[in-house]
């Protein structure tokens, strides 16, 4: 189940200031619900960030979110960070808004 999504600037893996409340909310919920897990952190890149470099960027974004949650007290054993790519990403409209939606890490809980 998709719990939250954190968006990133183009070609960047740093957490945007506006994402901090989302990550704090996620950390608080995970601290309150210790039996929830595993938590999958799926990193995405937009079509312009494609190829092998985009996959590495997606992995770095997922790792940044994992590290943030660990710094908030979440047990790293509960977190699974991975890069993700789909055919849908290649077919997305070529607009800044559409690309921005793809630059994200999704937080999924089981």
C-alpha atoms as a PDB file:
ATOM      1  CA  UNK A   1       0.000   0.000   0.000  1.00  0.00           C
ATOM      2  CA  UNK A   2       1.359   3.400  -0.968  1.00  0.00           C
ATOM      3  CA  UNK A   3       1.823   5.378   2.236  1.00  0.00           C
ATOM      4  CA  UNK A   4       3.550   8.532   0.988  1.00  0.00           C
ATOM      5  CA  UNK A   5       5.727   9.932  -1.777  1.00  0.00           C
ATOM      6  CA  UNK A   6       8.688  12.292  -1.549  1.00  0.00           C
ATOM      7  CA  UNK A   7       9.596  14.322  -4.638  1.00  0.00           C
ATOM      8  CA  UNK A   8      13.026  15.497  -5.790  1.00  0.00           C
ATOM      9  CA  UNK A   9      14.479  18.197  -8.035  1.00  0.00           C
ATOM     10  CA  UNK A  10      15.753  17.219 -11.468  1.00  0.00           C
ATOM     11  CA  UNK A  11      19.035  15.265 -11.374  1.00  0.00           C
ATOM     12  CA  UNK A  12      19.194  15.638  -7.579  1.00  0.00           C
ATOM     13  CA  UNK A  13      19.083  13.205  -4.689  1.00  0.00           C
ATOM     14  CA  UNK A  14      18.809  15.728  -1.851  1.00  0.00           C
ATOM     15  CA  UNK A  15      15.551  15.859   0.099  1.00  0.00           C
ATOM     16  CA  UNK A  16      13.675  19.053  -0.736  1.00  0.00           C
ATOM     17  CA  UNK A  17      12.710  21.239   2.250  1.00  0.00           C
ATOM     18  CA  UNK A  18       9.017  20.672   1.523  1.00  0.00           C
ATOM     19  CA  UNK A  19       9.499  16.912   1.891  1.00  0.00           C
ATOM     20  CA  UNK A  20      10.627  17.072   5.520  1.00  0.00           C
ATOM     21  CA  UNK A  21       7.062  17.130   6.952  1.00  0.00           C
ATOM     22  CA  UNK A  22       6.164  14.072   4.840  1.00  0.00           C
ATOM     23  CA  UNK A  23       9.211  12.167   6.073  1.00  0.00           C
ATOM     24  CA  UNK A  24       8.612  13.230   9.682  1.00  0.00           C
ATOM     25  CA  UNK A  25       5.000  12.004   9.428  1.00  0.00           C
ATOM     26  CA  UNK A  26       6.186   8.690   7.975  1.00  0.00           C
ATOM     27  CA  UNK A  27       8.804   8.272  10.714  1.00  0.00           C
ATOM     28  CA  UNK A  28       6.258   9.062  13.428  1.00  0.00           C
ATOM     29  CA  UNK A  29       3.790   6.526  12.002  1.00  0.00           C
ATOM     30  CA  UNK A  30       6.496   3.850  11.743  1.00  0.00           C
ATOM     31  CA  UNK A  31       7.623   4.491  15.341  1.00  0.00           C
ATOM     32  CA  UNK A  32       4.012   4.154  16.523  1.00  0.00           C
ATOM     33  CA  UNK A  33       3.408   0.967  14.527  1.00  0.00           C
ATOM     34  CA  UNK A  34       6.435  -1.211  15.149  1.00  0.00           C
ATOM     35  CA  UNK A  35       4.897  -4.292  13.548  1.00  0.00           C
ATOM     36  CA  UNK A  36       4.417  -2.587  10.168  1.00  0.00           C
ATOM     37  CA  UNK A  37       6.960  -3.811   7.683  1.00  0.00           C
ATOM     38  CA  UNK A  38       8.792  -4.349   5.632  1.00  0.00           C
ATOM     39  CA  UNK A  39       8.678  -0.789   4.344  1.00  0.00           C
ATOM     40  CA  UNK A  40       9.642  -0.547   0.673  1.00  0.00           C
ATOM     41  CA  UNK A  41      11.258   2.667  -0.523  1.00  0.00           C
ATOM     42  CA  UNK A  42      10.995   2.752  -4.313  1.00  0.00           C
ATOM     43  CA  UNK A  43      13.131   5.382  -6.023  1.00  0.00           C
ATOM     44  CA  UNK A  44      12.091   6.743  -9.421  1.00  0.00           C
ATOM     45  CA  UNK A  45      13.629   9.061 -12.005  1.00  0.00           C
ATOM     46  CA  UNK A  46      11.968  10.927 -14.853  1.00  0.00           C
ATOM     47  CA  UNK A  47      12.396  10.055 -18.535  1.00  0.00           C
ATOM     48  CA  UNK A  48      15.196  12.610 -18.996  1.00  0.00           C
ATOM     49  CA  UNK A  49      17.077  10.956 -16.139  1.00  0.00           C
ATOM     50  CA  UNK A  50      16.763   7.580 -17.857  1.00  0.00           C
ATOM     51  CA  UNK A  51      19.186   4.779 -18.612  1.00  0.00           C
ATOM     52  CA  UNK A  52      21.755   3.400 -16.216  1.00  0.00           C
ATOM     53  CA  UNK A  53      22.477   6.843 -14.739  1.00  0.00           C
ATOM     54  CA  UNK A  54      18.773   7.323 -13.986  1.00  0.00           C
ATOM     55  CA  UNK A  55      18.602   3.942 -12.285  1.00  0.00           C
ATOM     56  CA  UNK A  56      21.596   4.880 -10.111  1.00  0.00           C
ATOM     57  CA  UNK A  57      19.929   8.219  -9.298  1.00  0.00           C
ATOM     58  CA  UNK A  58      16.726   6.389  -8.363  1.00  0.00           C
ATOM     59  CA  UNK A  59      18.722   4.115  -6.042  1.00  0.00           C
ATOM     60  CA  UNK A  60      20.434   7.113  -4.421  1.00  0.00           C
ATOM     61  CA  UNK A  61      17.077   8.800  -3.850  1.00  0.00           C
ATOM     62  CA  UNK A  62      15.721   5.679  -2.157  1.00  0.00           C
ATOM     63  CA  UNK A  63      18.879   5.471  -0.021  1.00  0.00           C
ATOM     64  CA  UNK A  64      18.522   9.126   1.021  1.00  0.00           C
ATOM     65  CA  UNK A  65      14.965   8.481   2.226  1.00  0.00           C
ATOM     66  CA  UNK A  66      16.123   5.324   4.032  1.00  0.00           C
ATOM     67  CA  UNK A  67      18.931   7.252   5.746  1.00  0.00           C
ATOM     68  CA  UNK A  68      16.512  10.018   6.755  1.00  0.00           C
ATOM     69  CA  UNK A  69      14.120   7.521   8.352  1.00  0.00           C
ATOM     70  CA  UNK A  70      16.984   5.738  10.118  1.00  0.00           C
ATOM     71  CA  UNK A  71      18.157   9.115  11.504  1.00  0.00           C
ATOM     72  CA  UNK A  72      14.589   9.528  12.836  1.00  0.00           C
ATOM     73  CA  UNK A  73      14.930   6.287  14.799  1.00  0.00           C
ATOM     74  CA  UNK A  74      13.503   3.726  12.376  1.00  0.00           C
ATOM     75  CA  UNK A  75      15.255   0.344  12.469  1.00  0.00           C
ATOM     76  CA  UNK A  76      17.073  -0.066   9.143  1.00  0.00           C
ATOM     77  CA  UNK A  77      16.098  -3.757   9.124  1.00  0.00           C
ATOM     78  CA  UNK A  78      12.501  -2.646   8.473  1.00  0.00           C
ATOM     79  CA  UNK A  79      13.458  -0.646   5.364  1.00  0.00           C
ATOM     80  CA  UNK A  80      14.084  -1.954   1.844  1.00  0.00           C
ATOM     81  CA  UNK A  81      15.397   0.687  -0.572  1.00  0.00           C
ATOM     82  CA  UNK A  82      15.441   0.003  -4.315  1.00  0.00           C
ATOM     83  CA  UNK A  83      15.479   1.742  -7.678  1.00  0.00           C
ATOM     84  CA  UNK A  84      12.413   1.255  -9.817  1.00  0.00           C
ATOM     85  CA  UNK A  85      11.691   1.755 -13.490  1.00  0.00           C
ATOM     86  CA  UNK A  86       8.642   1.082 -15.632  1.00  0.00           C
ATOM     87  CA  UNK A  87       7.511   1.359 -19.226  1.00  0.00           C
ATOM     88  CA  UNK A  88       4.955   3.950 -18.105  1.00  0.00           C
ATOM     89  CA  UNK A  89       7.809   6.290 -17.249  1.00  0.00           C
ATOM     90  CA  UNK A  90       8.999   6.247 -20.857  1.00  0.00           C
ATOM     91  CA  UNK A  91       5.502   7.103 -22.132  1.00  0.00           C
ATOM     92  CA  UNK A  92       4.786   9.992 -19.778  1.00  0.00           C
ATOM     93  CA  UNK A  93       3.934  13.370 -21.327  1.00  0.00           C
ATOM     94  CA  UNK A  94       6.980  15.530 -21.938  1.00  0.00           C
ATOM     95  CA  UNK A  95       6.094  18.360 -19.595  1.00  0.00           C
ATOM     96  CA  UNK A  96       7.853  19.602 -16.488  1.00  0.00           C
ATOM     97  CA  UNK A  97       4.823  18.722 -14.338  1.00  0.00           C
ATOM     98  CA  UNK A  98       4.758  15.132 -15.612  1.00  0.00           C
ATOM     99  CA  UNK A  99       8.518  14.709 -15.177  1.00  0.00           C
ATOM    100  CA  UNK A 100       8.350  16.168 -11.655  1.00  0.00           C
ATOM    101  CA  UNK A 101       5.771  13.544 -10.672  1.00  0.00           C
ATOM    102  CA  UNK A 102       8.217  10.800 -11.685  1.00  0.00           C
ATOM    103  CA  UNK A 103      11.125  12.186  -9.607  1.00  0.00           C
ATOM    104  CA  UNK A 104      10.115  10.583  -6.344  1.00  0.00           C
ATOM    105  CA  UNK A 105      10.541   7.921  -3.727  1.00  0.00           C
ATOM    106  CA  UNK A 106       7.389   6.048  -2.858  1.00  0.00           C
ATOM    107  CA  UNK A 107       7.030   4.692   0.666  1.00  0.00           C
ATOM    108  CA  UNK A 108       5.043   1.443   0.586  1.00  0.00           C
ATOM    109  CA  UNK A 109       4.005  -0.543   3.642  1.00  0.00           C
ATOM    110  CA  UNK A 110       2.847  -4.168   3.747  1.00  0.00           C
END
